[in-house]
Amino acid sequence: MDACQVTSPEKVTVEELDQSDRRLGLKCCECHRFRYMRTHRYPANTIVSKIARKLRCAQCGSEDVRTFPVERHPGTGYWPAEGS
């Protein structure tokens, strides 16, 4: 899934993310950098998609970033690789 193409993001909280074996992903819509973020600094009731409002890409500086839940690959069980 391309996070930059999502029109109505899920209303998943940080607590739900942590309890469901998913991770917090960050995707830059300008340079397409993808990274994982730690959730420990956000309150449990924080909506995952709203975290991006206060962030910018560390690589290109763009404010056009998205945060979203990331799941393991169903076939392999591996997490998607980070990319720059």
PDB file of N, CA and C in Angstrom:
ATOM      1  N   MET A   1       0.839  -1.184   0.000  1.00  0.00           N
ATOM      2  CA  MET A   1       0.000   0.000   0.000  1.00  0.00           C
ATOM      3  C   MET A   1       0.883   1.245   0.000  1.00  0.00           C
ATOM      4  N   ASP A   2       0.555   2.203  -0.835  1.00  0.00           N
ATOM      5  CA  ASP A   2       1.271   3.478  -0.853  1.00  0.00           C
ATOM      6  C   ASP A   2       0.546   4.437   0.077  1.00  0.00           C
ATOM      7  N   ALA A   3       1.182   4.772   1.188  1.00  0.00           N
ATOM      8  CA  ALA A   3       0.558   5.620   2.208  1.00  0.00           C
ATOM      9  C   ALA A   3       0.175   6.993   1.674  1.00  0.00           C
ATOM     10  N   CYS A   4       0.864   7.481   0.661  1.00  0.00           N
ATOM     11  CA  CYS A   4       0.576   8.811   0.117  1.00  0.00           C
ATOM     12  C   CYS A   4      -0.696   8.824  -0.723  1.00  0.00           C
ATOM     13  N   GLN A   5      -1.201   7.674  -1.095  1.00  0.00           N
ATOM     14  CA  GLN A   5      -2.412   7.579  -1.901  1.00  0.00           C
ATOM     15  C   GLN A   5      -3.666   7.350  -1.063  1.00  0.00           C
ATOM     16  N   VAL A   6      -3.524   7.185   0.245  1.00  0.00           N
ATOM     17  CA  VAL A   6      -4.668   6.915   1.124  1.00  0.00           C
ATOM     18  C   VAL A   6      -5.501   8.181   1.262  1.00  0.00           C
ATOM     19  N   THR A   7      -6.810   8.063   1.035  1.00  0.00           N
ATOM     20  CA  THR A   7      -7.685   9.233   1.129  1.00  0.00           C
ATOM     21  C   THR A   7      -8.379   9.321   2.482  1.00  0.00           C
ATOM     22  N   SER A   8      -8.690   8.202   3.112  1.00  0.00           N
ATOM     23  CA  SER A   8      -9.306   8.233   4.440  1.00  0.00           C
ATOM     24  C   SER A   8      -8.565   7.244   5.346  1.00  0.00           C
ATOM     25  N   PRO A   9      -7.495   7.716   6.003  1.00  0.00           N
ATOM     26  CA  PRO A   9      -6.676   6.820   6.820  1.00  0.00           C
ATOM     27  C   PRO A   9      -7.461   6.174   7.956  1.00  0.00           C
ATOM     28  N   GLU A  10      -6.985   5.000   8.345  1.00  0.00           N
ATOM     29  CA  GLU A  10      -7.583   4.294   9.468  1.00  0.00           C
ATOM     30  C   GLU A  10      -7.518   5.151  10.720  1.00  0.00           C
ATOM     31  N   LYS A  11      -8.477   4.960  11.605  1.00  0.00           N
ATOM     32  CA  LYS A  11      -8.492   5.660  12.893  1.00  0.00           C
ATOM     33  C   LYS A  11      -7.913   4.743  13.969  1.00  0.00           C
ATOM     34  N   VAL A  12      -6.703   4.318  13.761  1.00  0.00           N
ATOM     35  CA  VAL A  12      -6.015   3.420  14.685  1.00  0.00           C
ATOM     36  C   VAL A  12      -5.246   4.245  15.701  1.00  0.00           C
ATOM     37  N   THR A  13      -5.362   3.886  16.979  1.00  0.00           N
ATOM     38  CA  THR A  13      -4.608   4.581  18.013  1.00  0.00           C
ATOM     39  C   THR A  13      -3.263   3.896  18.228  1.00  0.00           C
ATOM     40  N   VAL A  14      -2.364   4.597  18.902  1.00  0.00           N
ATOM     41  CA  VAL A  14      -1.058   4.029  19.233  1.00  0.00           C
ATOM     42  C   VAL A  14      -1.237   2.762  20.081  1.00  0.00           C
ATOM     43  N   GLU A  15      -2.171   2.790  21.008  1.00  0.00           N
ATOM     44  CA  GLU A  15      -2.422   1.617  21.847  1.00  0.00           C
ATOM     45  C   GLU A  15      -2.874   0.417  21.005  1.00  0.00           C
ATOM     46  N   GLU A  16      -3.788   0.633  20.082  1.00  0.00           N
ATOM     47  CA  GLU A  16      -4.263  -0.447  19.211  1.00  0.00           C
ATOM     48  C   GLU A  16      -3.133  -0.973  18.339  1.00  0.00           C
ATOM     49  N   LEU A  17      -2.294  -0.079  17.873  1.00  0.00           N
ATOM     50  CA  LEU A  17      -1.145  -0.460  17.058  1.00  0.00           C
ATOM     51  C   LEU A  17      -0.236  -1.408  17.843  1.00  0.00           C
ATOM     52  N   ASP A  18       0.106  -1.019  19.059  1.00  0.00           N
ATOM     53  CA  ASP A  18       0.997  -1.824  19.897  1.00  0.00           C
ATOM     54  C   ASP A  18       0.386  -3.177  20.267  1.00  0.00           C
ATOM     55  N   GLN A  19      -0.915  -3.214  20.460  1.00  0.00           N
ATOM     56  CA  GLN A  19      -1.584  -4.457  20.864  1.00  0.00           C
ATOM     57  C   GLN A  19      -1.836  -5.411  19.704  1.00  0.00           C
ATOM     58  N   SER A  20      -1.681  -4.944  18.480  1.00  0.00           N
ATOM     59  CA  SER A  20      -2.031  -5.772  17.322  1.00  0.00           C
ATOM     60  C   SER A  20      -0.820  -6.228  16.511  1.00  0.00           C
ATOM     61  N   ASP A  21       0.380  -6.162  17.094  1.00  0.00           N
ATOM     62  CA  ASP A  21       1.606  -6.579  16.417  1.00  0.00           C
ATOM     63  C   ASP A  21       1.803  -5.849  15.094  1.00  0.00           C
ATOM     64  N   ARG A  22       1.506  -4.551  15.106  1.00  0.00           N
ATOM     65  CA  ARG A  22       1.787  -3.696  13.961  1.00  0.00           C
ATOM     66  C   ARG A  22       2.793  -2.645  14.398  1.00  0.00           C
ATOM     67  N   ARG A  23       3.425  -2.001  13.440  1.00  0.00           N
ATOM     68  CA  ARG A  23       4.423  -0.970  13.731  1.00  0.00           C
ATOM     69  C   ARG A  23       3.995   0.354  13.119  1.00  0.00           C
ATOM     70  N   LEU A  24       4.586   1.435  13.615  1.00  0.00           N
ATOM     71  CA  LEU A  24       4.289   2.766  13.119  1.00  0.00           C
ATOM     72  C   LEU A  24       5.233   3.092  11.968  1.00  0.00           C
ATOM     73  N   GLY A  25       4.655   3.290  10.788  1.00  0.00           N
ATOM     74  CA  GLY A  25       5.441   3.617   9.609  1.00  0.00           C
ATOM     75  C   GLY A  25       5.345   5.095   9.279  1.00  0.00           C
ATOM     76  N   LEU A  26       6.414   5.643   8.720  1.00  0.00           N
ATOM     77  CA  LEU A  26       6.461   7.023   8.262  1.00  0.00           C
ATOM     78  C   LEU A  26       6.929   7.016   6.813  1.00  0.00           C
ATOM     79  N   LYS A  27       6.149   7.653   5.934  1.00  0.00           N
ATOM     80  CA  LYS A  27       6.488   7.698   4.514  1.00  0.00           C
ATOM     81  C   LYS A  27       6.485   9.144   4.045  1.00  0.00           C
ATOM     82  N   CYS A  28       7.559   9.560   3.367  1.00  0.00           N
ATOM     83  CA  CYS A  28       7.635  10.892   2.769  1.00  0.00           C
ATOM     84  C   CYS A  28       7.039  10.809   1.364  1.00  0.00           C
ATOM     85  N   CYS A  29       6.112  11.702   1.079  1.00  0.00           N
ATOM     86  CA  CYS A  29       5.465  11.700  -0.237  1.00  0.00           C
ATOM     87  C   CYS A  29       6.277  12.450  -1.289  1.00  0.00           C
ATOM     88  N   GLU A  30       7.346  13.105  -0.889  1.00  0.00           N
ATOM     89  CA  GLU A  30       8.218  13.800  -1.837  1.00  0.00           C
ATOM     90  C   GLU A  30       9.366  12.903  -2.305  1.00  0.00           C
ATOM     91  N   CYS A  31      10.183  12.421  -1.356  1.00  0.00           N
ATOM     92  CA  CYS A  31      11.356  11.611  -1.736  1.00  0.00           C
ATOM     93  C   CYS A  31      11.110  10.108  -1.553  1.00  0.00           C
ATOM     94  N   HIS A  32       9.946   9.738  -1.027  1.00  0.00           N
ATOM     95  CA  HIS A  32       9.511   8.348  -0.863  1.00  0.00           C
ATOM     96  C   HIS A  32      10.300   7.562   0.183  1.00  0.00           C
ATOM     97  N   ARG A  33      10.939   8.259   1.088  1.00  0.00           N
ATOM     98  CA  ARG A  33      11.661   7.600   2.179  1.00  0.00           C
ATOM     99  C   ARG A  33      10.639   6.919   3.097  1.00  0.00           C
ATOM    100  N   PHE A  34      10.973   5.714   3.550  1.00  0.00           N
ATOM    101  CA  PHE A  34      10.105   4.970   4.466  1.00  0.00           C
ATOM    102  C   PHE A  34      10.917   4.538   5.675  1.00  0.00           C
ATOM    103  N   ARG A  35      10.406   4.828   6.851  1.00  0.00           N
ATOM    104  CA  ARG A  35      11.060   4.471   8.102  1.00  0.00           C
ATOM    105  C   ARG A  35      10.023   4.019   9.115  1.00  0.00           C
ATOM    106  N   TYR A  36      10.509   3.283  10.109  1.00  0.00           N
ATOM    107  CA  TYR A  36       9.681   2.927  11.260  1.00  0.00           C
ATOM    108  C   TYR A  36       9.962   3.911  12.379  1.00  0.00           C
ATOM    109  N   MET A  37       8.938   4.183  13.178  1.00  0.00           N
ATOM    110  CA  MET A  37       9.079   5.075  14.325  1.00  0.00           C
ATOM    111  C   MET A  37       8.689   4.324  15.590  1.00  0.00           C
ATOM    112  N   ARG A  38       9.261   4.720  16.697  1.00  0.00           N
ATOM    113  CA  ARG A  38       8.869   4.160  17.992  1.00  0.00           C
ATOM    114  C   ARG A  38       7.609   4.865  18.473  1.00  0.00           C
ATOM    115  N   THR A  39       6.769   4.132  19.170  1.00  0.00           N
ATOM    116  CA  THR A  39       5.499   4.699  19.634  1.00  0.00           C
ATOM    117  C   THR A  39       5.544   5.170  21.084  1.00  0.00           C
ATOM    118  N   HIS A  40       6.611   4.876  21.816  1.00  0.00           N
ATOM    119  CA  HIS A  40       6.638   5.134  23.258  1.00  0.00           C
ATOM    120  C   HIS A  40       6.483   6.610  23.638  1.00  0.00           C
ATOM    121  N   ARG A  41       6.784   7.530  22.747  1.00  0.00           N
ATOM    122  CA  ARG A  41       6.683   8.944  23.108  1.00  0.00           C
ATOM    123  C   ARG A  41       5.310   9.553  22.847  1.00  0.00           C
ATOM    124  N   TYR A  42       4.385   8.763  22.338  1.00  0.00           N
ATOM    125  CA  TYR A  42       3.043   9.255  22.053  1.00  0.00           C
ATOM    126  C   TYR A  42       2.039   8.668  23.043  1.00  0.00           C
ATOM    127  N   PRO A  43       1.064   9.470  23.486  1.00  0.00           N
ATOM    128  CA  PRO A  43       0.020   8.938  24.370  1.00  0.00           C
ATOM    129  C   PRO A  43      -0.746   7.802  23.689  1.00  0.00           C
ATOM    130  N   ALA A  44      -1.238   6.874  24.467  1.00  0.00           N
ATOM    131  CA  ALA A  44      -1.923   5.683  23.955  1.00  0.00           C
ATOM    132  C   ALA A  44      -3.119   6.020  23.074  1.00  0.00           C
ATOM    133  N   ASN A  45      -3.808   7.124  23.341  1.00  0.00           N
ATOM    134  CA  ASN A  45      -5.015   7.465  22.578  1.00  0.00           C
ATOM    135  C   ASN A  45      -4.737   8.302  21.335  1.00  0.00           C
ATOM    136  N   THR A  46      -3.472   8.523  20.989  1.00  0.00           N
ATOM    137  CA  THR A  46      -3.110   9.295  19.794  1.00  0.00           C
ATOM    138  C   THR A  46      -3.477   8.526  18.530  1.00  0.00           C
ATOM    139  N   ILE A  47      -4.142   9.192  17.608  1.00  0.00           N
ATOM    140  CA  ILE A  47      -4.489   8.591  16.318  1.00  0.00           C
ATOM    141  C   ILE A  47      -3.213   8.550  15.464  1.00  0.00           C
ATOM    142  N   VAL A  48      -2.882   7.375  14.976  1.00  0.00           N
ATOM    143  CA  VAL A  48      -1.636   7.162  14.231  1.00  0.00           C
ATOM    144  C   VAL A  48      -1.501   8.113  13.046  1.00  0.00           C
ATOM    145  N   SER A  49      -2.542   8.292  12.268  1.00  0.00           N
ATOM    146  CA  SER A  49      -2.452   9.140  11.069  1.00  0.00           C
ATOM    147  C   SER A  49      -2.226  10.616  11.407  1.00  0.00           C
ATOM    148  N   LYS A  50      -2.573  11.039  12.614  1.00  0.00           N
ATOM    149  CA  LYS A  50      -2.410  12.445  13.005  1.00  0.00           C
ATOM    150  C   LYS A  50      -0.999  12.764  13.480  1.00  0.00           C
ATOM    151  N   ILE A  51      -0.187  11.769  13.762  1.00  0.00           N
ATOM    152  CA  ILE A  51       1.187  11.998  14.214  1.00  0.00           C
ATOM    153  C   ILE A  51       1.973  12.756  13.152  1.00  0.00           C
ATOM    154  N   ALA A  52       1.692  12.495  11.887  1.00  0.00           N
ATOM    155  CA  ALA A  52       2.432  13.113  10.775  1.00  0.00           C
ATOM    156  C   ALA A  52       2.300  14.630  10.740  1.00  0.00           C
ATOM    157  N   ARG A  53       1.268  15.181  11.332  1.00  0.00           N
ATOM    158  CA  ARG A  53       1.031  16.625  11.274  1.00  0.00           C
ATOM    159  C   ARG A  53       2.178  17.444  11.860  1.00  0.00           C
ATOM    160  N   LYS A  54       2.942  16.853  12.778  1.00  0.00           N
ATOM    161  CA  LYS A  54       4.019  17.586  13.448  1.00  0.00           C
ATOM    162  C   LYS A  54       5.399  17.143  12.973  1.00  0.00           C
ATOM    163  N   LEU A  55       5.458  16.371  11.908  1.00  0.00           N
ATOM    164  CA  LEU A  55       6.731  15.815  11.452  1.00  0.00           C
ATOM    165  C   LEU A  55       7.129  16.347  10.085  1.00  0.00           C
ATOM    166  N   ARG A  56       8.396  16.167   9.792  1.00  0.00           N
ATOM    167  CA  ARG A  56       8.906  16.433   8.450  1.00  0.00           C
ATOM    168  C   ARG A  56       9.941  15.361   8.135  1.00  0.00           C
ATOM    169  N   CYS A  57      10.213  15.170   6.875  1.00  0.00           N
ATOM    170  CA  CYS A  57      11.166  14.155   6.435  1.00  0.00           C
ATOM    171  C   CYS A  57      12.585  14.564   6.831  1.00  0.00           C
ATOM    172  N   ALA A  58      13.313  13.642   7.430  1.00  0.00           N
ATOM    173  CA  ALA A  58      14.697  13.915   7.839  1.00  0.00           C
ATOM    174  C   ALA A  58      15.633  13.970   6.638  1.00  0.00           C
ATOM    175  N   GLN A  59      15.215  13.383   5.526  1.00  0.00           N
ATOM    176  CA  GLN A  59      16.076  13.354   4.334  1.00  0.00           C
ATOM    177  C   GLN A  59      15.919  14.600   3.468  1.00  0.00           C
ATOM    178  N   CYS A  60      14.679  14.957   3.126  1.00  0.00           N
ATOM    179  CA  CYS A  60      14.474  16.080   2.198  1.00  0.00           C
ATOM    180  C   CYS A  60      13.834  17.304   2.853  1.00  0.00           C
ATOM    181  N   GLY A  61      13.334  17.164   4.077  1.00  0.00           N
ATOM    182  CA  GLY A  61      12.738  18.287   4.789  1.00  0.00           C
ATOM    183  C   GLY A  61      11.271  18.533   4.493  1.00  0.00           C
ATOM    184  N   SER A  62      10.660  17.718   3.651  1.00  0.00           N
ATOM    185  CA  SER A  62       9.259  17.911   3.279  1.00  0.00           C
ATOM    186  C   SER A  62       8.337  17.699   4.483  1.00  0.00           C
ATOM    187  N   GLU A  63       7.271  18.491   4.540  1.00  0.00           N
ATOM    188  CA  GLU A  63       6.227  18.296   5.542  1.00  0.00           C
ATOM    189  C   GLU A  63       5.134  17.366   5.025  1.00  0.00           C
ATOM    190  N   ASP A  64       5.231  16.950   3.765  1.00  0.00           N
ATOM    191  CA  ASP A  64       4.246  16.057   3.157  1.00  0.00           C
ATOM    192  C   ASP A  64       4.611  14.612   3.486  1.00  0.00           C
ATOM    193  N   VAL A  65       4.340  14.229   4.730  1.00  0.00           N
ATOM    194  CA  VAL A  65       4.630  12.879   5.204  1.00  0.00           C
ATOM    195  C   VAL A  65       3.354  12.242   5.746  1.00  0.00           C
ATOM    196  N   ARG A  66       3.332  10.931   5.785  1.00  0.00           N
ATOM    197  CA  ARG A  66       2.188  10.182   6.310  1.00  0.00           C
ATOM    198  C   ARG A  66       2.682   9.188   7.359  1.00  0.00           C
ATOM    199  N   THR A  67       1.892   9.001   8.403  1.00  0.00           N
ATOM    200  CA  THR A  67       2.148   7.949   9.389  1.00  0.00           C
ATOM    201  C   THR A  67       0.982   6.977   9.319  1.00  0.00           C
ATOM    202  N   PHE A  68       1.300   5.688   9.450  1.00  0.00           N
ATOM    203  CA  PHE A  68       0.287   4.667   9.227  1.00  0.00           C
ATOM    204  C   PHE A  68       0.723   3.344   9.858  1.00  0.00           C
ATOM    205  N   PRO A  69      -0.238   2.445  10.127  1.00  0.00           N
ATOM    206  CA  PRO A  69       0.097   1.130  10.664  1.00  0.00           C
ATOM    207  C   PRO A  69       0.749   0.257   9.591  1.00  0.00           C
ATOM    208  N   VAL A  70       1.757  -0.502   9.980  1.00  0.00           N
ATOM    209  CA  VAL A  70       2.440  -1.412   9.065  1.00  0.00           C
ATOM    210  C   VAL A  70       2.330  -2.830   9.638  1.00  0.00           C
ATOM    211  N   GLU A  71       1.947  -3.762   8.778  1.00  0.00           N
ATOM    212  CA  GLU A  71       1.814  -5.162   9.183  1.00  0.00           C
ATOM    213  C   GLU A  71       2.920  -6.003   8.565  1.00  0.00           C
ATOM    214  N   ARG A  72       3.185  -7.123   9.188  1.00  0.00           N
ATOM    215  CA  ARG A  72       4.140  -8.085   8.637  1.00  0.00           C
ATOM    216  C   ARG A  72       3.604  -8.650   7.320  1.00  0.00           C
ATOM    217  N   HIS A  73       4.503  -9.077   6.434  1.00  0.00           N
ATOM    218  CA  HIS A  73       4.089  -9.722   5.192  1.00  0.00           C
ATOM    219  C   HIS A  73       3.361 -11.008   5.567  1.00  0.00           C
ATOM    220  N   PRO A  74       2.153 -11.243   5.056  1.00  0.00           N
ATOM    221  CA  PRO A  74       1.387 -12.415   5.465  1.00  0.00           C
ATOM    222  C   PRO A  74       2.029 -13.751   5.091  1.00  0.00           C
ATOM    223  N   GLY A  75       2.798 -13.775   4.025  1.00  0.00           N
ATOM    224  CA  GLY A  75       3.411 -15.024   3.589  1.00  0.00           C
ATOM    225  C   GLY A  75       4.716 -15.352   4.288  1.00  0.00           C
ATOM    226  N   THR A  76       5.534 -14.336   4.504  1.00  0.00           N
ATOM    227  CA  THR A  76       6.861 -14.572   5.074  1.00  0.00           C
ATOM    228  C   THR A  76       6.958 -14.255   6.558  1.00  0.00           C
ATOM    229  N   GLY A  77       6.100 -13.361   7.033  1.00  0.00           N
ATOM    230  CA  GLY A  77       6.173 -12.939   8.431  1.00  0.00           C
ATOM    231  C   GLY A  77       7.193 -11.844   8.667  1.00  0.00           C
ATOM    232  N   TYR A  78       7.861 -11.383   7.612  1.00  0.00           N
ATOM    233  CA  TYR A  78       8.855 -10.318   7.753  1.00  0.00           C
ATOM    234  C   TYR A  78       8.209  -8.943   7.663  1.00  0.00           C
ATOM    235  N   TRP A  79       8.867  -7.964   8.282  1.00  0.00           N
ATOM    236  CA  TRP A  79       8.438  -6.575   8.177  1.00  0.00           C
ATOM    237  C   TRP A  79       8.961  -6.020   6.838  1.00  0.00           C
ATOM    238  N   PRO A  80       8.193  -5.110   6.197  1.00  0.00           N
ATOM    239  CA  PRO A  80       8.711  -4.463   5.002  1.00  0.00           C
ATOM    240  C   PRO A  80      10.003  -3.712   5.317  1.00  0.00           C
ATOM    241  N   ALA A  81      10.925  -3.713   4.378  1.00  0.00           N
ATOM    242  CA  ALA A  81      12.226  -3.065   4.582  1.00  0.00           C
ATOM    243  C   ALA A  81      12.088  -1.550   4.539  1.00  0.00           C
ATOM    244  N   GLU A  82      12.876  -0.861   5.357  1.00  0.00           N
ATOM    245  CA  GLU A  82      12.942   0.584   5.288  1.00  0.00           C
ATOM    246  C   GLU A  82      13.650   0.957   3.986  1.00  0.00           C
ATOM    247  N   GLY A  83      13.369   2.148   3.500  1.00  0.00           N
ATOM    248  CA  GLY A  83      13.994   2.556   2.249  1.00  0.00           C
ATOM    249  C   GLY A  83      14.167   4.052   2.160  1.00  0.00           C
ATOM    250  N   SER A  84      15.204   4.442   1.442  1.00  0.00           N
ATOM    251  CA  SER A  84      15.474   5.870   1.241  1.00  0.00           C
ATOM    252  C   SER A  84      15.211   6.240  -0.197  1.00  0.00           C
TER     253      SER A  84
END
